[in-house]
Protein backbone atom coordinates (compact mmCIF):
# COMPACT_ATOMS: atom_id res chain seq x y z
CA UNK A 1 0.00 0.00 0.00
CA UNK A 2 2.89 2.39 0.60
CA UNK A 3 3.68 2.49 -3.10
CA UNK A 4 0.18 3.77 -3.88
CA UNK A 5 0.63 6.73 -1.56
CA UNK A 6 4.11 7.47 -2.87
CA UNK A 7 2.66 7.53 -6.38
CA UNK A 8 -0.19 9.83 -5.31
CA UNK A 9 2.25 12.33 -3.79
CA UNK A 10 4.46 12.22 -6.89
CA UNK A 11 1.52 12.78 -9.24
CA UNK A 12 0.13 15.62 -7.10
CA UNK A 13 3.40 17.41 -7.83
CA UNK A 14 3.44 16.45 -11.52
CA UNK A 15 6.80 14.70 -11.18
CA UNK A 16 8.06 11.88 -13.38
CA UNK A 17 9.32 8.60 -11.93
CA UNK A 18 12.72 9.16 -13.52
CA UNK A 19 13.09 12.53 -11.80
CA UNK A 20 12.19 11.20 -8.35
CA UNK A 21 14.34 8.10 -8.76
CA UNK A 22 17.36 10.16 -9.78
CA UNK A 23 16.96 12.62 -6.90
CA UNK A 24 16.48 9.74 -4.45
CA UNK A 25 19.55 7.91 -5.76
CA UNK A 26 17.54 4.89 -6.92
CA UNK A 27 17.49 3.35 -10.38
CA UNK A 28 14.19 3.93 -12.17
CA UNK A 29 13.21 0.26 -12.34
CA UNK A 30 13.62 -0.13 -8.56
CA UNK A 31 11.57 2.99 -7.99
CA UNK A 32 8.84 1.69 -10.29
CA UNK A 33 8.69 -1.58 -8.32
CA UNK A 34 8.24 0.44 -5.11
CA UNK A 35 5.30 2.37 -6.57
CA UNK A 36 3.74 -0.87 -7.83
CA UNK A 37 4.10 -2.41 -4.34
CA UNK A 38 6.36 -5.10 -5.76
CA UNK A 39 9.19 -4.05 -3.44
CA UNK A 40 9.24 -2.97 0.20
CA UNK A 41 11.70 -0.09 0.58
CA UNK A 42 13.74 0.48 3.71
CA UNK A 43 12.82 3.49 5.85
CA UNK A 44 16.05 5.09 4.72
CA UNK A 45 14.90 4.78 1.11
CA UNK A 46 11.41 6.05 1.98
CA UNK A 47 13.00 9.15 3.54
CA UNK A 48 15.02 9.76 0.37
CA UNK A 49 11.93 9.35 -1.79
CA UNK A 50 9.94 11.78 0.38
CA UNK A 51 12.74 14.33 0.14
CA UNK A 52 12.98 13.87 -3.64
CA UNK A 53 9.22 14.39 -4.01
CA UNK A 54 9.22 17.33 -1.63
CA UNK A 55 6.86 15.92 0.97
CA UNK A 56 6.94 14.43 4.45
CA UNK A 57 6.87 10.71 5.16
CA UNK A 58 3.56 11.15 6.93
CA UNK A 59 2.12 12.36 3.62
CA UNK A 60 2.41 8.70 2.55
CA UNK A 61 0.05 7.63 5.34
CA UNK A 62 -3.30 6.33 4.14
CA UNK A 63 -5.08 7.78 7.19
CA UNK A 64 -3.95 11.26 6.20
CA UNK A 65 -5.36 10.71 2.69
CA UNK A 66 -8.73 9.66 4.08
CA UNK A 67 -9.00 12.85 6.16
CA UNK A 68 -8.93 15.04 3.06
């Protein structure tokens, strides 16, 4: 489920996967697997992705999405 929320935050900012992956120091195919929930990223990687997207880790929380 985390990948879904990462994708939502990326799309809200009109960012491409390649851009986020590069800024997070991840190859694009690994990043794509994270968004598709085919890979469980470490918290360290999640932090890097959040920073690359320009959001907070808690923005990836499904409960926060439901409140809006």
